[in-house]
Amino acid sequence: MKRRDFIKKVVMTSAIAPVASLRIPFINVSIEELTQKHFKEMSEEEKKAVIERLEREYKERYGVDVNIKTTPAKEGVVWGYALNIKRCIGCRRCVYACVKENNQSRASPDDPTSNEIHWIRVLEVAQEKLEPGTEEQGIGTKFGDVVAGVVLEESEHYYDPEKVPEDGKMYIPIQCQQCEKPPCVKVCPTRATWKEPDGIIVVDYNWCIGCRYCMAACPYWARRFNWSWPYIPKEEINPNQHYLGNRIRYRGVVEKCTFCIQRTREGRYPACVEACPVGARKFGNLLDPNSEIRKIIREKRVFRLKEELGTEPKFFYFMD
């Protein structure tokens, strides 16, 4: 008998009614959490019970009433993203809009062990490397002594000038590429991460064991690990949450961009799209031939990061 099934049987057959709510001190997890089914295996009633428990837990820990949804993917929709690197000015407003919308941990003024998390990372590269005449090199990577185009691993992550954009610089924001063939999904030993029907790669934080195999497998540095409990000031918590998206995470789990699943499945744009002051970010349905993103793919100079790896990202970069 599997360990999870054994514990569940003990809980169900015990004469002590409240045993499911008891916590195991060594790992600080309740029996109820430990025996929770995989999200894709739960019935609607089971999902409802889990959501009610999570909303109570967040209320106790953070003092905020939250509304966690489980809105499913829409039929006939596969989300895609396009970013105009000729327009991006490197202001990082997308980064901070993402942090605010998706309940990412901030740096605590009182706890030096708390880690600040950003799902979007903006890279600064030399403009001359992307000028006409070098398009055939693309945006590549380094394999031993072979260099293909701009080496992303050697770009500047922590630029901090007084004003942006700087002369002679261009900017490449990177987040989860929502790959059609995601290597992160293949290596997860607990099936805590998977690809949804609308193309979004999600994580069930209650099934993540923090092994970080997915982080090692991702070639885009798109996943983040919670070394501590997230620090989010009470007044900054976004109460509108999705179970597979921006609900507040735990210590010891991995998180990532979900194209703002709590917004896009309700018919809204991702927060980063709305925050961009120069309109560099575009979002839409890849299955709709009349969508803006399909028009961009047809008519613009488009590339994807590290195409040679065969991950088939649904995140496209283009230039006018």
C-alpha atoms as a PDB file:
ATOM      1  CA  MET A   1       0.000   0.000   0.000  1.00  0.00           C
ATOM      2  CA  LYS A   2       1.283   3.471  -0.872  1.00  0.00           C
ATOM      3  CA  ARG A   3       2.266   5.757   2.035  1.00  0.00           C
ATOM      4  CA  ARG A   4      -0.336   8.367   1.080  1.00  0.00           C
ATOM      5  CA  ASP A   5      -3.106   5.735   0.887  1.00  0.00           C
ATOM      6  CA  PHE A   6      -2.020   4.233   4.217  1.00  0.00           C
ATOM      7  CA  ILE A   7      -2.190   7.575   6.038  1.00  0.00           C
ATOM      8  CA  LYS A   8      -5.571   8.327   4.476  1.00  0.00           C
ATOM      9  CA  LYS A   9      -6.923   4.953   5.640  1.00  0.00           C
ATOM     10  CA  VAL A  10      -5.719   5.633   9.186  1.00  0.00           C
ATOM     11  CA  VAL A  11      -7.460   9.020   9.145  1.00  0.00           C
ATOM     12  CA  MET A  12     -10.730   7.641   7.804  1.00  0.00           C
ATOM     13  CA  THR A  13     -10.883   4.724  10.244  1.00  0.00           C
ATOM     14  CA  SER A  14      -9.774   6.606  13.359  1.00  0.00           C
ATOM     15  CA  ALA A  15     -12.291   7.148  16.142  1.00  0.00           C
ATOM     16  CA  ILE A  16     -10.874  10.620  16.743  1.00  0.00           C
ATOM     17  CA  ALA A  17     -12.965  12.921  14.546  1.00  0.00           C
ATOM     18  CA  PRO A  18     -10.670  15.996  14.450  1.00  0.00           C
ATOM     19  CA  VAL A  19      -7.570  13.964  13.523  1.00  0.00           C
ATOM     20  CA  ALA A  20      -7.567  15.280   9.942  1.00  0.00           C
ATOM     21  CA  SER A  21      -6.948  18.792  11.212  1.00  0.00           C
ATOM     22  CA  LEU A  22      -4.002  17.769  13.411  1.00  0.00           C
ATOM     23  CA  ARG A  23      -0.559  18.913  12.276  1.00  0.00           C
ATOM     24  CA  ILE A  24       2.544  16.756  12.036  1.00  0.00           C
ATOM     25  CA  PRO A  25       5.167  18.770  13.973  1.00  0.00           C
ATOM     26  CA  PHE A  26       8.281  17.645  12.085  1.00  0.00           C
ATOM     27  CA  ILE A  27       7.017  18.891   8.692  1.00  0.00           C
ATOM     28  CA  ASN A  28       4.267  21.238   9.975  1.00  0.00           C
ATOM     29  CA  VAL A  29       1.617  19.740   7.679  1.00  0.00           C
ATOM     30  CA  SER A  30      -1.891  18.637   8.602  1.00  0.00           C
ATOM     31  CA  ILE A  31      -3.132  15.124   7.867  1.00  0.00           C
ATOM     32  CA  GLU A  32      -5.738  16.746   5.626  1.00  0.00           C
ATOM     33  CA  GLU A  33      -3.038  18.432   3.534  1.00  0.00           C
ATOM     34  CA  LEU A  34      -0.875  15.326   3.388  1.00  0.00           C
ATOM     35  CA  THR A  35      -3.707  13.190   2.035  1.00  0.00           C
ATOM     36  CA  GLN A  36      -4.994  15.767  -0.460  1.00  0.00           C
ATOM     37  CA  LYS A  37      -5.543  14.340  -3.939  1.00  0.00           C
ATOM     38  CA  HIS A  38      -3.831  15.640  -7.048  1.00  0.00           C
ATOM     39  CA  PHE A  39      -5.754  18.630  -8.420  1.00  0.00           C
ATOM     40  CA  LYS A  40      -6.618  16.841 -11.667  1.00  0.00           C
ATOM     41  CA  GLU A  41      -8.034  13.872  -9.754  1.00  0.00           C
ATOM     42  CA  MET A  42     -10.303  15.850  -7.427  1.00  0.00           C
ATOM     43  CA  SER A  43     -14.058  16.073  -7.890  1.00  0.00           C
ATOM     44  CA  GLU A  44     -15.725  19.486  -7.815  1.00  0.00           C
ATOM     45  CA  GLU A  45     -16.845  18.846  -4.237  1.00  0.00           C
ATOM     46  CA  GLU A  46     -13.332  17.905  -3.185  1.00  0.00           C
ATOM     47  CA  LYS A  47     -11.946  21.039  -4.850  1.00  0.00           C
ATOM     48  CA  LYS A  48     -14.517  23.135  -2.994  1.00  0.00           C
ATOM     49  CA  ALA A  49     -13.474  21.618   0.348  1.00  0.00           C
ATOM     50  CA  VAL A  50      -9.786  22.268  -0.361  1.00  0.00           C
ATOM     51  CA  ILE A  51     -10.490  25.863  -1.369  1.00  0.00           C
ATOM     52  CA  GLU A  52     -12.476  26.485   1.822  1.00  0.00           C
ATOM     53  CA  ARG A  53      -9.587  25.091   3.892  1.00  0.00           C
ATOM     54  CA  LEU A  54      -7.017  27.232   2.089  1.00  0.00           C
ATOM     55  CA  GLU A  55      -9.104  30.381   2.482  1.00  0.00           C
ATOM     56  CA  ARG A  56      -9.325  29.701   6.240  1.00  0.00           C
ATOM     57  CA  GLU A  57      -5.577  29.121   6.447  1.00  0.00           C
ATOM     58  CA  TYR A  58      -4.751  32.354   4.604  1.00  0.00           C
ATOM     59  CA  LYS A  59      -7.154  34.252   6.840  1.00  0.00           C
ATOM     60  CA  GLU A  60      -5.400  32.890   9.927  1.00  0.00           C
ATOM     61  CA  ARG A  61      -1.864  33.528   8.648  1.00  0.00           C
ATOM     62  CA  TYR A  62      -2.301  36.851   6.833  1.00  0.00           C
ATOM     63  CA  GLY A  63      -5.505  38.304   8.294  1.00  0.00           C
ATOM     64  CA  VAL A  64      -7.050  38.796   4.851  1.00  0.00           C
ATOM     65  CA  ASP A  65     -10.190  37.358   3.250  1.00  0.00           C
ATOM     66  CA  VAL A  66      -9.214  35.848  -0.090  1.00  0.00           C
ATOM     67  CA  ASN A  67     -11.280  34.406  -2.921  1.00  0.00           C
ATOM     68  CA  ILE A  68      -9.590  31.422  -4.558  1.00  0.00           C
ATOM     69  CA  LYS A  69     -11.037  30.251  -7.869  1.00  0.00           C
ATOM     70  CA  THR A  70     -10.474  27.114  -9.934  1.00  0.00           C
ATOM     71  CA  THR A  71     -11.663  28.554 -13.256  1.00  0.00           C
ATOM     72  CA  PRO A  72     -10.856  25.969 -15.968  1.00  0.00           C
ATOM     73  CA  ALA A  73      -9.322  26.592 -19.391  1.00  0.00           C
ATOM     74  CA  LYS A  74     -11.654  27.764 -22.141  1.00  0.00           C
ATOM     75  CA  GLU A  75     -12.225  25.523 -25.138  1.00  0.00           C
ATOM     76  CA  GLY A  76     -10.601  26.578 -28.399  1.00  0.00           C
ATOM     77  CA  VAL A  77      -7.977  28.734 -26.671  1.00  0.00           C
ATOM     78  CA  VAL A  78      -4.200  28.365 -26.513  1.00  0.00           C
ATOM     79  CA  TRP A  79      -2.564  31.475 -25.121  1.00  0.00           C
ATOM     80  CA  GLY A  80       0.470  33.053 -26.740  1.00  0.00           C
ATOM     81  CA  TYR A  81       2.600  36.089 -25.956  1.00  0.00           C
ATOM     82  CA  ALA A  82       4.621  38.430 -28.166  1.00  0.00           C
ATOM     83  CA  LEU A  83       7.093  41.097 -27.073  1.00  0.00           C
ATOM     84  CA  ASN A  84       8.531  43.874 -29.238  1.00  0.00           C
ATOM     85  CA  ILE A  85      12.166  44.242 -28.135  1.00  0.00           C
ATOM     86  CA  LYS A  86      12.573  47.343 -30.283  1.00  0.00           C
ATOM     87  CA  ARG A  87       9.985  49.118 -28.130  1.00  0.00           C
ATOM     88  CA  CYS A  88      10.941  47.816 -24.689  1.00  0.00           C
ATOM     89  CA  ILE A  89      12.679  50.564 -22.707  1.00  0.00           C
ATOM     90  CA  GLY A  90      13.793  48.447 -19.735  1.00  0.00           C
ATOM     91  CA  CYS A  91      11.696  50.343 -17.179  1.00  0.00           C
ATOM     92  CA  ARG A  92      10.697  47.136 -15.337  1.00  0.00           C
ATOM     93  CA  ARG A  93       7.120  48.326 -14.779  1.00  0.00           C
ATOM     94  CA  CYS A  94       6.047  44.889 -15.997  1.00  0.00           C
ATOM     95  CA  VAL A  95       8.116  43.325 -13.214  1.00  0.00           C
ATOM     96  CA  TYR A  96       6.486  45.328 -10.441  1.00  0.00           C
ATOM     97  CA  ALA A  97       2.968  44.953 -11.866  1.00  0.00           C
ATOM     98  CA  CYS A  98       3.560  41.196 -11.891  1.00  0.00           C
ATOM     99  CA  VAL A  99       4.760  41.217  -8.276  1.00  0.00           C
ATOM    100  CA  LYS A 100       1.686  43.147  -7.148  1.00  0.00           C
ATOM    101  CA  GLU A 101      -0.815  41.060  -9.091  1.00  0.00           C
ATOM    102  CA  ASN A 102       0.634  37.656  -8.308  1.00  0.00           C
ATOM    103  CA  ASN A 103       1.409  37.945  -4.592  1.00  0.00           C
ATOM    104  CA  GLN A 104       5.150  37.477  -4.959  1.00  0.00           C
ATOM    105  CA  SER A 105       7.293  37.718  -1.852  1.00  0.00           C
ATOM    106  CA  ARG A 106       8.840  41.097  -1.037  1.00  0.00           C
ATOM    107  CA  ALA A 107      12.041  41.736   0.878  1.00  0.00           C
ATOM    108  CA  SER A 108      11.141  42.010   4.550  1.00  0.00           C
ATOM    109  CA  PRO A 109      12.640  44.972   6.444  1.00  0.00           C
ATOM    110  CA  ASP A 110      12.676  42.859   9.609  1.00  0.00           C
ATOM    111  CA  ASP A 111      13.722  39.434   8.329  1.00  0.00           C
ATOM    112  CA  PRO A 112      16.987  39.180   6.352  1.00  0.00           C
ATOM    113  CA  THR A 113      16.167  35.558   5.443  1.00  0.00           C
ATOM    114  CA  SER A 114      13.089  36.530   3.419  1.00  0.00           C
ATOM    115  CA  ASN A 115      13.636  36.403  -0.318  1.00  0.00           C
ATOM    116  CA  GLU A 116      12.284  38.879  -2.858  1.00  0.00           C
ATOM    117  CA  ILE A 117      10.830  37.073  -5.856  1.00  0.00           C
ATOM    118  CA  HIS A 118      10.364  38.335  -9.425  1.00  0.00           C
ATOM    119  CA  TRP A 119       8.845  36.122 -12.107  1.00  0.00           C
ATOM    120  CA  ILE A 120      10.002  38.505 -14.856  1.00  0.00           C
ATOM    121  CA  ARG A 121      13.687  39.208 -15.394  1.00  0.00           C
ATOM    122  CA  VAL A 122      14.772  42.001 -17.763  1.00  0.00           C
ATOM    123  CA  LEU A 123      18.131  41.575 -19.492  1.00  0.00           C
ATOM    124  CA  GLU A 124      20.202  44.463 -20.864  1.00  0.00           C
ATOM    125  CA  VAL A 125      22.189  43.750 -24.044  1.00  0.00           C
ATOM    126  CA  ALA A 126      24.335  45.817 -26.380  1.00  0.00           C
ATOM    127  CA  GLN A 127      22.207  47.265 -29.174  1.00  0.00           C
ATOM    128  CA  GLU A 128      24.760  46.708 -31.938  1.00  0.00           C
ATOM    129  CA  LYS A 129      24.358  42.963 -31.506  1.00  0.00           C
ATOM    130  CA  LEU A 130      20.738  43.222 -32.599  1.00  0.00           C
ATOM    131  CA  GLU A 131      21.037  45.638 -35.496  1.00  0.00           C
ATOM    132  CA  PRO A 132      20.111  44.732 -39.102  1.00  0.00           C
ATOM    133  CA  GLY A 133      22.684  42.441 -40.614  1.00  0.00           C
ATOM    134  CA  THR A 134      22.925  40.198 -37.559  1.00  0.00           C
ATOM    135  CA  GLU A 135      19.424  38.700 -37.657  1.00  0.00           C
ATOM    136  CA  GLU A 136      20.698  35.341 -38.874  1.00  0.00           C
ATOM    137  CA  GLN A 137      22.559  34.970 -35.576  1.00  0.00           C
ATOM    138  CA  GLY A 138      19.356  35.292 -33.588  1.00  0.00           C
ATOM    139  CA  ILE A 139      19.299  35.345 -29.808  1.00  0.00           C
ATOM    140  CA  GLY A 140      21.113  32.200 -28.837  1.00  0.00           C
ATOM    141  CA  THR A 141      23.336  30.710 -26.210  1.00  0.00           C
ATOM    142  CA  LYS A 142      26.823  29.270 -25.755  1.00  0.00           C
ATOM    143  CA  PHE A 143      27.742  25.618 -26.227  1.00  0.00           C
ATOM    144  CA  GLY A 144      31.414  25.154 -25.357  1.00  0.00           C
ATOM    145  CA  ASP A 145      33.378  27.345 -27.759  1.00  0.00           C
ATOM    146  CA  VAL A 146      30.447  27.864 -30.138  1.00  0.00           C
ATOM    147  CA  VAL A 147      28.559  31.151 -29.727  1.00  0.00           C
ATOM    148  CA  ALA A 148      25.232  31.732 -31.485  1.00  0.00           C
ATOM    149  CA  GLY A 149      24.126  35.373 -31.492  1.00  0.00           C
ATOM    150  CA  VAL A 150      23.733  37.188 -28.170  1.00  0.00           C
ATOM    151  CA  VAL A 151      24.767  35.074 -25.191  1.00  0.00           C
ATOM    152  CA  LEU A 152      21.908  35.514 -22.730  1.00  0.00           C
ATOM    153  CA  GLU A 153      23.959  34.063 -19.879  1.00  0.00           C
ATOM    154  CA  GLU A 154      26.420  36.951 -20.236  1.00  0.00           C
ATOM    155  CA  SER A 155      23.846  39.769 -20.409  1.00  0.00           C
ATOM    156  CA  GLU A 156      23.317  42.283 -17.582  1.00  0.00           C
ATOM    157  CA  HIS A 157      20.544  41.372 -15.150  1.00  0.00           C
ATOM    158  CA  TYR A 158      21.062  44.069 -12.532  1.00  0.00           C
ATOM    159  CA  TYR A 159      21.453  47.268 -14.527  1.00  0.00           C
ATOM    160  CA  ASP A 160      20.567  50.377 -12.519  1.00  0.00           C
ATOM    161  CA  PRO A 161      21.079  53.628 -14.483  1.00  0.00           C
ATOM    162  CA  GLU A 162      19.436  56.935 -13.562  1.00  0.00           C
ATOM    163  CA  LYS A 163      17.307  56.812 -16.705  1.00  0.00           C
ATOM    164  CA  VAL A 164      16.236  54.172 -19.207  1.00  0.00           C
ATOM    165  CA  PRO A 165      16.622  53.359 -21.979  1.00  0.00           C
ATOM    166  CA  GLU A 166      20.374  53.848 -22.026  1.00  0.00           C
ATOM    167  CA  ASP A 167      22.097  54.783 -25.260  1.00  0.00           C
ATOM    168  CA  GLY A 168      23.364  51.761 -27.138  1.00  0.00           C
ATOM    169  CA  LYS A 169      21.303  49.307 -25.068  1.00  0.00           C
ATOM    170  CA  MET A 170      18.313  47.085 -25.739  1.00  0.00           C
ATOM    171  CA  TYR A 171      16.223  45.079 -23.295  1.00  0.00           C
ATOM    172  CA  ILE A 172      14.920  41.513 -23.339  1.00  0.00           C
ATOM    173  CA  PRO A 173      12.365  40.645 -20.633  1.00  0.00           C
ATOM    174  CA  ILE A 174      12.255  36.930 -19.843  1.00  0.00           C
ATOM    175  CA  GLN A 175       9.629  34.970 -17.970  1.00  0.00           C
ATOM    176  CA  CYS A 176       8.108  31.504 -18.305  1.00  0.00           C
ATOM    177  CA  GLN A 177       7.962  30.733 -22.025  1.00  0.00           C
ATOM    178  CA  GLN A 178       4.988  28.342 -21.582  1.00  0.00           C
ATOM    179  CA  CYS A 179       6.713  25.742 -23.739  1.00  0.00           C
ATOM    180  CA  GLU A 180       4.706  23.311 -25.835  1.00  0.00           C
ATOM    181  CA  LYS A 181       7.287  20.680 -24.887  1.00  0.00           C
ATOM    182  CA  PRO A 182       8.214  21.800 -21.351  1.00  0.00           C
ATOM    183  CA  PRO A 183      11.297  20.065 -19.922  1.00  0.00           C
ATOM    184  CA  CYS A 184      10.247  21.134 -16.415  1.00  0.00           C
ATOM    185  CA  VAL A 185       7.143  18.942 -16.596  1.00  0.00           C
ATOM    186  CA  LYS A 186       9.121  15.869 -17.636  1.00  0.00           C
ATOM    187  CA  VAL A 187      11.428  15.927 -14.615  1.00  0.00           C
ATOM    188  CA  CYS A 188       8.883  16.584 -11.838  1.00  0.00           C
ATOM    189  CA  PRO A 189       8.794  13.421  -9.688  1.00  0.00           C
ATOM    190  CA  THR A 190       5.383  14.190  -8.127  1.00  0.00           C
ATOM    191  CA  ARG A 191       3.530  15.516 -11.202  1.00  0.00           C
ATOM    192  CA  ALA A 192       3.122  18.813  -9.358  1.00  0.00           C
ATOM    193  CA  THR A 193       3.582  20.768 -12.600  1.00  0.00           C
ATOM    194  CA  TRP A 194       1.832  20.169 -15.906  1.00  0.00           C
ATOM    195  CA  LYS A 195       0.547  21.810 -19.095  1.00  0.00           C
ATOM    196  CA  GLU A 196      -3.097  22.892 -19.085  1.00  0.00           C
ATOM    197  CA  PRO A 197      -5.348  22.652 -22.214  1.00  0.00           C
ATOM    198  CA  ASP A 198      -4.897  26.401 -22.857  1.00  0.00           C
ATOM    199  CA  GLY A 199      -1.118  25.933 -22.967  1.00  0.00           C
ATOM    200  CA  ILE A 200      -0.285  27.379 -19.542  1.00  0.00           C
ATOM    201  CA  ILE A 201       2.235  25.470 -17.433  1.00  0.00           C
ATOM    202  CA  VAL A 202       0.957  25.414 -13.845  1.00  0.00           C
ATOM    203  CA  VAL A 203       2.183  24.288 -10.427  1.00  0.00           C
ATOM    204  CA  ASP A 204       0.139  22.743  -7.631  1.00  0.00           C
ATOM    205  CA  TYR A 205       1.963  24.152  -4.605  1.00  0.00           C
ATOM    206  CA  ASN A 206       0.393  21.517  -2.363  1.00  0.00           C
ATOM    207  CA  TRP A 207       2.066  18.753  -4.367  1.00  0.00           C
ATOM    208  CA  CYS A 208       5.433  20.439  -4.912  1.00  0.00           C
ATOM    209  CA  ILE A 209       8.143  18.866  -2.719  1.00  0.00           C
ATOM    210  CA  GLY A 210      10.777  21.520  -3.448  1.00  0.00           C
ATOM    211  CA  CYS A 211      13.289  19.220  -5.147  1.00  0.00           C
ATOM    212  CA  ARG A 212      13.953  21.968  -7.740  1.00  0.00           C
ATOM    213  CA  TYR A 213      14.445  19.496 -10.593  1.00  0.00           C
ATOM    214  CA  CYS A 214      12.177  21.735 -12.679  1.00  0.00           C
ATOM    215  CA  MET A 215      14.423  24.728 -12.038  1.00  0.00           C
ATOM    216  CA  ALA A 216      17.441  22.784 -13.235  1.00  0.00           C
ATOM    217  CA  ALA A 217      15.578  21.606 -16.346  1.00  0.00           C
ATOM    218  CA  CYS A 218      14.265  25.037 -17.373  1.00  0.00           C
ATOM    219  CA  PRO A 219      16.645  26.700 -19.890  1.00  0.00           C
ATOM    220  CA  TYR A 220      15.038  30.137 -19.380  1.00  0.00           C
ATOM    221  CA  TRP A 221      15.639  30.705 -15.599  1.00  0.00           C
ATOM    222  CA  ALA A 222      11.873  31.070 -15.293  1.00  0.00           C
ATOM    223  CA  ARG A 223      11.211  29.349 -11.969  1.00  0.00           C
ATOM    224  CA  ARG A 224      11.759  30.643  -8.444  1.00  0.00           C
ATOM    225  CA  PHE A 225      12.145  28.845  -5.117  1.00  0.00           C
ATOM    226  CA  ASN A 226      10.739  30.022  -1.789  1.00  0.00           C
ATOM    227  CA  TRP A 227      13.555  29.664   0.716  1.00  0.00           C
ATOM    228  CA  SER A 228      11.340  31.248   3.366  1.00  0.00           C
ATOM    229  CA  TRP A 229       7.682  31.980   3.954  1.00  0.00           C
ATOM    230  CA  PRO A 230       6.616  34.732   1.528  1.00  0.00           C
ATOM    231  CA  TYR A 231       6.602  38.211   3.012  1.00  0.00           C
ATOM    232  CA  ILE A 232       3.707  40.324   1.703  1.00  0.00           C
ATOM    233  CA  PRO A 233       2.362  43.302   3.659  1.00  0.00           C
ATOM    234  CA  LYS A 234      -1.284  42.709   4.513  1.00  0.00           C
ATOM    235  CA  GLU A 235      -2.478  45.754   2.592  1.00  0.00           C
ATOM    236  CA  GLU A 236      -0.628  44.608  -0.553  1.00  0.00           C
ATOM    237  CA  ILE A 237      -2.117  41.123  -0.806  1.00  0.00           C
ATOM    238  CA  ASN A 238      -4.230  40.588  -3.923  1.00  0.00           C
ATOM    239  CA  PRO A 239      -7.312  38.699  -2.629  1.00  0.00           C
ATOM    240  CA  ASN A 240      -8.459  37.645  -6.115  1.00  0.00           C
ATOM    241  CA  GLN A 241      -6.600  34.379  -6.545  1.00  0.00           C
ATOM    242  CA  HIS A 242      -6.511  31.159  -8.537  1.00  0.00           C
ATOM    243  CA  TYR A 243      -5.560  27.778  -7.079  1.00  0.00           C
ATOM    244  CA  LEU A 244      -3.059  27.165  -9.906  1.00  0.00           C
ATOM    245  CA  GLY A 245      -1.832  30.729 -10.070  1.00  0.00           C
ATOM    246  CA  ASN A 246      -1.374  33.629  -7.691  1.00  0.00           C
ATOM    247  CA  ARG A 247      -2.547  32.153  -4.400  1.00  0.00           C
ATOM    248  CA  ILE A 248       0.070  32.775  -1.730  1.00  0.00           C
ATOM    249  CA  ARG A 249       2.804  30.167  -1.792  1.00  0.00           C
ATOM    250  CA  TYR A 250       4.490  28.155   0.947  1.00  0.00           C
ATOM    251  CA  ARG A 251       8.075  27.954   2.101  1.00  0.00           C
ATOM    252  CA  GLY A 252       9.932  25.252   0.182  1.00  0.00           C
ATOM    253  CA  VAL A 253       7.979  25.303  -3.084  1.00  0.00           C
ATOM    254  CA  VAL A 254       8.684  26.489  -6.627  1.00  0.00           C
ATOM    255  CA  GLU A 255       6.631  29.143  -8.423  1.00  0.00           C
ATOM    256  CA  LYS A 256       6.505  30.778 -11.856  1.00  0.00           C
ATOM    257  CA  CYS A 257       4.577  32.948 -14.328  1.00  0.00           C
ATOM    258  CA  THR A 258       1.165  31.593 -15.362  1.00  0.00           C
ATOM    259  CA  PHE A 259       0.201  34.348 -17.832  1.00  0.00           C
ATOM    260  CA  CYS A 260      -1.898  35.691 -14.906  1.00  0.00           C
ATOM    261  CA  ILE A 261      -4.228  32.701 -15.067  1.00  0.00           C
ATOM    262  CA  GLN A 262      -6.574  34.377 -12.583  1.00  0.00           C
ATOM    263  CA  ARG A 263      -7.064  37.206 -15.106  1.00  0.00           C
ATOM    264  CA  THR A 264      -6.762  35.599 -18.535  1.00  0.00           C
ATOM    265  CA  ARG A 265      -9.329  32.903 -17.791  1.00  0.00           C
ATOM    266  CA  GLU A 266     -11.723  35.676 -16.835  1.00  0.00           C
ATOM    267  CA  GLY A 267     -11.207  37.522 -20.148  1.00  0.00           C
ATOM    268  CA  ARG A 268      -8.586  40.048 -18.982  1.00  0.00           C
ATOM    269  CA  TYR A 269      -5.027  40.750 -20.101  1.00  0.00           C
ATOM    270  CA  PRO A 270      -2.046  39.733 -17.945  1.00  0.00           C
ATOM    271  CA  ALA A 271      -0.956  42.503 -15.569  1.00  0.00           C
ATOM    272  CA  CYS A 272       2.363  43.010 -17.370  1.00  0.00           C
ATOM    273  CA  VAL A 273       0.581  43.701 -20.677  1.00  0.00           C
ATOM    274  CA  GLU A 274      -1.541  46.421 -19.097  1.00  0.00           C
ATOM    275  CA  ALA A 275       1.431  47.941 -17.256  1.00  0.00           C
ATOM    276  CA  CYS A 276       3.746  48.368 -20.259  1.00  0.00           C
ATOM    277  CA  PRO A 277       3.924  52.138 -21.015  1.00  0.00           C
ATOM    278  CA  VAL A 278       5.063  51.666 -24.630  1.00  0.00           C
ATOM    279  CA  GLY A 279       2.759  48.849 -25.762  1.00  0.00           C
ATOM    280  CA  ALA A 280       5.610  46.396 -26.291  1.00  0.00           C
ATOM    281  CA  ARG A 281       3.670  43.433 -24.926  1.00  0.00           C
ATOM    282  CA  LYS A 282       0.952  41.598 -26.879  1.00  0.00           C
ATOM    283  CA  PHE A 283      -1.230  38.691 -25.791  1.00  0.00           C
ATOM    284  CA  GLY A 284      -3.866  36.563 -27.447  1.00  0.00           C
ATOM    285  CA  ASN A 285      -5.247  33.267 -28.688  1.00  0.00           C
ATOM    286  CA  LEU A 286      -2.871  31.386 -30.968  1.00  0.00           C
ATOM    287  CA  LEU A 287      -5.786  29.378 -32.383  1.00  0.00           C
ATOM    288  CA  ASP A 288      -7.582  32.493 -33.633  1.00  0.00           C
ATOM    289  CA  PRO A 289      -6.229  33.373 -37.100  1.00  0.00           C
ATOM    290  CA  ASN A 290      -7.565  36.924 -36.705  1.00  0.00           C
ATOM    291  CA  SER A 291      -5.930  37.620 -33.342  1.00  0.00           C
ATOM    292  CA  GLU A 292      -3.250  40.273 -32.981  1.00  0.00           C
ATOM    293  CA  ILE A 293      -0.627  37.739 -31.969  1.00  0.00           C
ATOM    294  CA  ARG A 294      -1.233  35.618 -35.070  1.00  0.00           C
ATOM    295  CA  LYS A 295      -0.872  38.744 -37.209  1.00  0.00           C
ATOM    296  CA  ILE A 296       2.443  39.529 -35.523  1.00  0.00           C
ATOM    297  CA  ILE A 297       3.744  36.002 -36.149  1.00  0.00           C
ATOM    298  CA  ARG A 298       2.747  36.240 -39.813  1.00  0.00           C
ATOM    299  CA  GLU A 299       4.021  39.728 -40.567  1.00  0.00           C
ATOM    300  CA  LYS A 300       6.871  40.601 -38.194  1.00  0.00           C
ATOM    301  CA  ARG A 301      10.462  39.463 -37.750  1.00  0.00           C
ATOM    302  CA  VAL A 302       9.814  36.889 -35.054  1.00  0.00           C
ATOM    303  CA  PHE A 303      12.079  34.599 -33.059  1.00  0.00           C
ATOM    304  CA  ARG A 304      11.889  32.445 -29.941  1.00  0.00           C
ATOM    305  CA  LEU A 305      14.565  31.998 -27.310  1.00  0.00           C
ATOM    306  CA  LYS A 306      16.839  28.969 -27.605  1.00  0.00           C
ATOM    307  CA  GLU A 307      14.815  27.404 -30.406  1.00  0.00           C
ATOM    308  CA  GLU A 308      17.601  24.909 -30.932  1.00  0.00           C
ATOM    309  CA  LEU A 309      16.526  23.139 -27.734  1.00  0.00           C
ATOM    310  CA  GLY A 310      13.182  22.090 -29.218  1.00  0.00           C
ATOM    311  CA  THR A 311      11.029  23.292 -26.307  1.00  0.00           C
ATOM    312  CA  GLU A 312       8.708  25.213 -28.676  1.00  0.00           C
ATOM    313  CA  PRO A 313       7.941  28.277 -26.511  1.00  0.00           C
ATOM    314  CA  LYS A 314       4.614  30.048 -26.905  1.00  0.00           C
ATOM    315  CA  PHE A 315       6.409  33.292 -26.062  1.00  0.00           C
ATOM    316  CA  PHE A 316       7.568  35.156 -29.186  1.00  0.00           C
ATOM    317  CA  TYR A 317       9.934  38.104 -29.565  1.00  0.00           C
ATOM    318  CA  PHE A 318       9.709  40.414 -32.565  1.00  0.00           C
ATOM    319  CA  MET A 319      11.024  43.621 -34.083  1.00  0.00           C
ATOM    320  CA  ASP A 320       9.276  46.224 -36.217  1.00  0.00           C
END
